[in-house]
Amino acid sequence: MTDKIKIGKFGQQLAGQFLLKKGYQLLTENYYSKEGEIDIVAKDNDQYVFVEVKTRRTLDFGAPEEAVNKNKINKIIITANKYLAEHDINTDNWRIDIVAILIKKQVKKAQINHYKAVNI
């Protein structure tokens, strides 16, 4: 397993724990379809939330959230619709969130930023 994959998995674990502490119900992790992938599918009260997790160790290439562009959001929208259809969920009460994680290895901490209802 490459470092990039390990960091991504670790970041996703942190994001899941973070969302649970905020009262979210985690439904699915790593949902894949031919349309794309969604890191975490959750519920925030009665609203479905499709979460994109981005994790980085440095800001050398920008903040983690900066890696989520319009094309990525469009893929998430298509994939979210596929998820809803596959699970016979007939609702328009859903949103896309980003959980951006910057791992600060030197101090053994992570900075987590949560962006709700992202629309680029």
Protein backbone atom coordinates (compact mmCIF):
# COMPACT_ATOMS: atom_id res chain seq x y z
CA MET A 1 0.00 0.00 0.00
CA THR A 2 1.43 3.37 -1.00
CA ASP A 3 1.82 6.28 1.42
CA LYS A 4 -0.83 8.20 -0.49
CA ILE A 5 -3.37 5.39 -0.01
CA LYS A 6 -2.45 5.01 3.69
CA ILE A 7 -2.86 8.75 4.26
CA GLY A 8 -6.19 8.73 2.43
CA LYS A 9 -7.50 5.81 4.50
CA PHE A 10 -6.32 7.46 7.72
CA GLY A 11 -7.96 10.73 6.71
CA GLN A 12 -11.21 8.96 5.94
CA GLN A 13 -11.14 7.30 9.38
CA LEU A 14 -10.63 10.70 11.01
CA ALA A 15 -13.45 12.18 8.93
CA GLY A 16 -15.81 9.37 9.94
CA GLN A 17 -15.00 9.84 13.63
CA PHE A 18 -15.41 13.61 13.25
CA LEU A 19 -18.83 13.24 11.63
CA LEU A 20 -20.00 10.72 14.24
CA LYS A 21 -19.06 13.16 17.01
CA LYS A 22 -21.16 15.80 15.24
CA GLY A 23 -24.15 13.45 15.34
CA TYR A 24 -24.09 12.17 11.77
CA GLN A 25 -25.14 8.61 11.00
CA LEU A 26 -22.63 6.90 8.70
CA LEU A 27 -24.38 4.77 6.06
CA THR A 28 -21.69 3.75 3.58
CA GLU A 29 -17.99 4.25 3.04
CA ASN A 30 -16.24 4.05 -0.32
CA TYR A 31 -19.34 3.79 -2.49
CA TYR A 32 -18.26 2.97 -6.04
CA SER A 33 -20.16 3.01 -9.30
CA LYS A 34 -19.06 3.39 -12.89
CA GLU A 35 -19.94 7.08 -12.52
CA GLY A 36 -17.48 7.69 -9.70
CA GLU A 37 -16.80 7.25 -6.00
CA ILE A 38 -18.13 8.80 -2.81
CA ASP A 39 -15.95 8.57 0.28
CA ILE A 40 -18.72 8.68 2.88
CA VAL A 41 -22.51 8.60 2.64
CA ALA A 42 -24.11 9.81 5.84
CA LYS A 43 -27.27 11.30 7.27
CA ASP A 44 -27.44 14.58 9.14
CA ASN A 45 -30.84 14.35 10.81
CA ASP A 46 -33.10 13.56 7.84
CA GLN A 47 -30.75 14.89 5.13
CA TYR A 48 -28.48 12.63 3.11
CA VAL A 49 -24.90 13.88 2.93
CA PHE A 50 -22.35 12.80 0.34
CA VAL A 51 -18.93 13.55 1.77
CA GLU A 52 -15.71 14.05 -0.15
CA VAL A 53 -12.67 13.60 2.12
CA LYS A 54 -9.36 15.19 1.14
CA THR A 55 -6.27 14.60 3.25
CA ARG A 56 -2.82 16.12 2.95
CA ARG A 57 0.35 16.21 5.01
CA THR A 58 1.60 19.55 3.71
CA LEU A 59 0.30 22.66 2.03
CA ASP A 60 2.97 22.40 -0.70
CA PHE A 61 0.28 21.80 -3.31
CA GLY A 62 -2.42 23.90 -1.63
CA ALA A 63 -5.04 23.17 1.00
CA PRO A 64 -6.82 19.81 0.76
CA GLU A 65 -10.18 21.40 -0.06
CA GLU A 66 -8.63 23.16 -3.06
CA ALA A 67 -8.35 19.75 -4.75
CA VAL A 68 -12.15 19.56 -5.04
CA ASN A 69 -12.98 21.33 -8.27
CA LYS A 70 -16.13 21.75 -10.34
CA ASN A 71 -15.47 18.53 -12.28
CA LYS A 72 -15.15 16.55 -9.04
CA ILE A 73 -18.38 18.06 -7.68
CA ASN A 74 -20.19 17.19 -10.92
CA LYS A 75 -18.99 13.56 -10.62
CA ILE A 76 -20.18 13.46 -7.03
CA ILE A 77 -23.61 14.76 -8.07
CA ILE A 78 -23.94 12.05 -10.73
CA THR A 79 -22.71 9.37 -8.33
CA ALA A 80 -24.99 10.59 -5.53
CA ASN A 81 -27.99 10.31 -7.84
CA LYS A 82 -26.88 6.76 -8.71
CA TYR A 83 -26.61 5.89 -5.00
CA LEU A 84 -30.09 7.26 -4.29
CA ALA A 85 -31.59 5.33 -7.22
CA GLU A 86 -29.83 2.07 -6.28
CA HIS A 87 -31.12 2.34 -2.72
CA ASP A 88 -34.68 3.33 -3.74
CA ILE A 89 -34.36 6.65 -1.94
CA ASN A 90 -36.72 9.16 -3.49
CA THR A 91 -35.65 12.50 -2.07
CA ASP A 92 -34.10 15.76 -3.10
CA ASN A 93 -33.08 16.40 0.52
CA TRP A 94 -29.36 15.83 0.13
CA ARG A 95 -26.15 17.80 -0.07
CA ILE A 96 -22.43 17.49 -0.70
CA ASP A 97 -19.94 18.23 2.08
CA ILE A 98 -16.16 18.34 2.04
CA VAL A 99 -14.06 17.26 5.00
CA ALA A 100 -10.54 18.59 4.50
CA ILE A 101 -7.81 17.20 6.72
CA LEU A 102 -4.29 18.49 7.17
CA ILE A 103 -2.16 16.03 9.12
CA LYS A 104 0.43 17.74 11.30
CA LYS A 105 2.78 14.84 11.89
CA GLN A 106 5.27 16.81 13.99
CA VAL A 107 2.68 17.56 16.70
CA LYS A 108 0.62 14.40 16.09
CA LYS A 109 -2.54 16.35 15.38
CA ALA A 110 -4.84 16.93 12.46
CA GLN A 111 -6.61 20.09 11.43
CA ILE A 112 -10.11 19.27 10.17
CA ASN A 113 -12.23 21.72 8.19
CA HIS A 114 -15.82 20.82 7.36
CA TYR A 115 -17.55 22.57 4.48
CA LYS A 116 -21.29 21.95 4.32
CA ALA A 117 -23.50 22.11 1.23
CA VAL A 118 -20.68 22.72 -1.24
CA ASN A 119 -21.76 24.04 -4.60
CA ILE A 120 -19.03 25.09 -6.99
